[in-house]
Amino acid sequence: MTKFNFYLGAAASAWLLTILIVIAEFYEPFKNLLKSTFSHHWIGKAVLITVAFLAFGFALRNKSSVGNFSDENLAWYSMLGSLIVIFLFFVIEFFK
């Protein structure tokens, strides 16, 4: 029995960051809420993904795989997928 699942915590926080970025860019009141609560919207996002990383890491500590993916592969694909979605989002927004 492990005490913490780093890989699933990382996967969850990667997707949460992607969601937070997209919501903050489309919904200004959310970005302002992060600013007013944490002094800057990026600090707010960092706090929220850290909490998600810890919560999912501890909550899923005994989980060894999700579907057909190992924890390591799920974390790797989640990080890459998150980066690709964020990059494409800003590229599309830039050329709008």
C-alpha atoms as a PDB file:
ATOM      1  CA  MET A   1       0.000   0.000   0.000  1.00  0.00           C
ATOM      2  CA  THR A   2       1.421   3.376  -1.037  1.00  0.00           C
ATOM      3  CA  LYS A   3       0.880   6.653   0.749  1.00  0.00           C
ATOM      4  CA  PHE A   4       0.625   8.875  -2.327  1.00  0.00           C
ATOM      5  CA  ASN A   5       0.042   8.377  -6.052  1.00  0.00           C
ATOM      6  CA  PHE A   6       2.214  10.989  -7.733  1.00  0.00           C
ATOM      7  CA  TYR A   7       1.155  10.004 -11.257  1.00  0.00           C
ATOM      8  CA  LEU A   8      -2.604  10.321 -10.822  1.00  0.00           C
ATOM      9  CA  GLY A   9      -2.150  13.540  -8.855  1.00  0.00           C
ATOM     10  CA  ALA A  10      -0.075  14.937 -11.716  1.00  0.00           C
ATOM     11  CA  ALA A  11      -2.630  13.815 -14.323  1.00  0.00           C
ATOM     12  CA  ALA A  12      -5.525  15.435 -12.452  1.00  0.00           C
ATOM     13  CA  SER A  13      -3.666  18.690 -11.860  1.00  0.00           C
ATOM     14  CA  ALA A  14      -2.573  18.890 -15.510  1.00  0.00           C
ATOM     15  CA  TRP A  15      -6.161  18.723 -16.745  1.00  0.00           C
ATOM     16  CA  LEU A  16      -7.374  21.081 -14.034  1.00  0.00           C
ATOM     17  CA  LEU A  17      -4.797  23.660 -15.120  1.00  0.00           C
ATOM     18  CA  THR A  18      -6.019  23.383 -18.703  1.00  0.00           C
ATOM     19  CA  ILE A  19      -9.621  23.877 -17.610  1.00  0.00           C
ATOM     20  CA  LEU A  20      -8.741  26.832 -15.364  1.00  0.00           C
ATOM     21  CA  ILE A  21      -6.807  28.569 -18.148  1.00  0.00           C
ATOM     22  CA  VAL A  22      -9.624  28.223 -20.663  1.00  0.00           C
ATOM     23  CA  ILE A  23     -12.314  29.321 -18.195  1.00  0.00           C
ATOM     24  CA  ALA A  24     -10.266  32.323 -17.031  1.00  0.00           C
ATOM     25  CA  GLU A  25      -9.723  33.464 -20.617  1.00  0.00           C
ATOM     26  CA  PHE A  26     -13.400  33.199 -21.583  1.00  0.00           C
ATOM     27  CA  TYR A  27     -15.034  34.278 -18.314  1.00  0.00           C
ATOM     28  CA  GLU A  28     -13.480  37.465 -16.938  1.00  0.00           C
ATOM     29  CA  PRO A  29     -15.302  37.328 -13.550  1.00  0.00           C
ATOM     30  CA  PHE A  30     -13.531  34.026 -12.812  1.00  0.00           C
ATOM     31  CA  LYS A  31     -10.156  35.564 -13.604  1.00  0.00           C
ATOM     32  CA  ASN A  32     -11.023  38.539 -11.386  1.00  0.00           C
ATOM     33  CA  LEU A  33     -12.059  36.172  -8.579  1.00  0.00           C
ATOM     34  CA  LEU A  34      -8.663  34.475  -8.777  1.00  0.00           C
ATOM     35  CA  LYS A  35      -6.956  37.882  -8.768  1.00  0.00           C
ATOM     36  CA  SER A  36      -8.897  39.189  -5.789  1.00  0.00           C
ATOM     37  CA  THR A  37      -8.540  35.981  -3.784  1.00  0.00           C
ATOM     38  CA  PHE A  38      -4.883  35.181  -4.451  1.00  0.00           C
ATOM     39  CA  SER A  39      -3.484  38.594  -5.553  1.00  0.00           C
ATOM     40  CA  HIS A  40      -2.828  37.275  -9.083  1.00  0.00           C
ATOM     41  CA  HIS A  41      -4.724  34.843 -11.294  1.00  0.00           C
ATOM     42  CA  TRP A  42      -1.653  32.638 -11.884  1.00  0.00           C
ATOM     43  CA  ILE A  43      -1.022  32.327  -8.149  1.00  0.00           C
ATOM     44  CA  GLY A  44      -4.659  31.258  -7.780  1.00  0.00           C
ATOM     45  CA  LYS A  45      -4.262  28.630 -10.477  1.00  0.00           C
ATOM     46  CA  ALA A  46      -1.058  27.379  -8.835  1.00  0.00           C
ATOM     47  CA  VAL A  47      -2.788  27.031  -5.463  1.00  0.00           C
ATOM     48  CA  LEU A  48      -5.776  25.218  -6.974  1.00  0.00           C
ATOM     49  CA  ILE A  49      -3.692  22.737  -8.982  1.00  0.00           C
ATOM     50  CA  THR A  50      -1.477  22.081  -5.961  1.00  0.00           C
ATOM     51  CA  VAL A  51      -4.552  21.288  -3.887  1.00  0.00           C
ATOM     52  CA  ALA A  52      -5.841  19.029  -6.694  1.00  0.00           C
ATOM     53  CA  PHE A  53      -2.449  17.309  -6.981  1.00  0.00           C
ATOM     54  CA  LEU A  54      -2.402  16.531  -3.264  1.00  0.00           C
ATOM     55  CA  ALA A  55      -6.093  15.600  -3.031  1.00  0.00           C
ATOM     56  CA  PHE A  56      -6.054  13.218  -6.001  1.00  0.00           C
ATOM     57  CA  GLY A  57      -2.650  11.835  -5.068  1.00  0.00           C
ATOM     58  CA  PHE A  58      -3.856  10.877  -1.608  1.00  0.00           C
ATOM     59  CA  ALA A  59      -7.401   9.880  -2.634  1.00  0.00           C
ATOM     60  CA  LEU A  60      -6.148   7.559  -5.395  1.00  0.00           C
ATOM     61  CA  ARG A  61      -3.086   6.269  -3.534  1.00  0.00           C
ATOM     62  CA  ASN A  62      -4.124   2.613  -3.874  1.00  0.00           C
ATOM     63  CA  LYS A  63      -5.172   2.851  -7.526  1.00  0.00           C
ATOM     64  CA  SER A  64      -2.635   1.148  -9.771  1.00  0.00           C
ATOM     65  CA  SER A  65      -4.087   1.908 -13.198  1.00  0.00           C
ATOM     66  CA  VAL A  66      -6.937   3.647 -14.943  1.00  0.00           C
ATOM     67  CA  GLY A  67      -8.523   1.688 -17.746  1.00  0.00           C
ATOM     68  CA  ASN A  68      -5.827   0.167 -19.938  1.00  0.00           C
ATOM     69  CA  PHE A  69      -3.225   2.776 -18.980  1.00  0.00           C
ATOM     70  CA  SER A  70      -0.612   2.483 -16.271  1.00  0.00           C
ATOM     71  CA  ASP A  71      -0.368   5.419 -13.884  1.00  0.00           C
ATOM     72  CA  GLU A  72       2.915   6.491 -15.469  1.00  0.00           C
ATOM     73  CA  ASN A  73       1.475   6.488 -18.983  1.00  0.00           C
ATOM     74  CA  LEU A  74      -1.679   8.298 -17.882  1.00  0.00           C
ATOM     75  CA  ALA A  75       0.405  11.050 -16.252  1.00  0.00           C
ATOM     76  CA  TRP A  76       2.625  11.342 -19.321  1.00  0.00           C
ATOM     77  CA  TYR A  77      -0.303  11.498 -21.767  1.00  0.00           C
ATOM     78  CA  SER A  78      -2.179  13.926 -19.524  1.00  0.00           C
ATOM     79  CA  MET A  79       0.770  16.303 -19.311  1.00  0.00           C
ATOM     80  CA  LEU A  80       1.363  16.199 -23.065  1.00  0.00           C
ATOM     81  CA  GLY A  81      -2.342  16.517 -23.821  1.00  0.00           C
ATOM     82  CA  SER A  82      -2.672  19.439 -21.443  1.00  0.00           C
ATOM     83  CA  LEU A  83       0.272  21.250 -23.026  1.00  0.00           C
ATOM     84  CA  ILE A  84      -1.068  20.665 -26.530  1.00  0.00           C
ATOM     85  CA  VAL A  85      -4.565  21.909 -25.633  1.00  0.00           C
ATOM     86  CA  ILE A  86      -3.179  25.045 -23.915  1.00  0.00           C
ATOM     87  CA  PHE A  87      -0.833  25.763 -26.825  1.00  0.00           C
ATOM     88  CA  LEU A  88      -3.554  25.287 -29.443  1.00  0.00           C
ATOM     89  CA  PHE A  89      -5.988  27.376 -27.424  1.00  0.00           C
ATOM     90  CA  PHE A  90      -3.630  30.366 -27.403  1.00  0.00           C
ATOM     91  CA  VAL A  91      -2.675  29.893 -31.067  1.00  0.00           C
ATOM     92  CA  ILE A  92      -6.358  29.896 -32.067  1.00  0.00           C
ATOM     93  CA  GLU A  93      -7.047  32.927 -29.838  1.00  0.00           C
ATOM     94  CA  PHE A  94      -4.080  34.764 -31.363  1.00  0.00           C
ATOM     95  CA  PHE A  95      -5.308  34.291 -34.939  1.00  0.00           C
ATOM     96  CA  LYS A  96      -8.970  35.116 -34.220  1.00  0.00           C
END
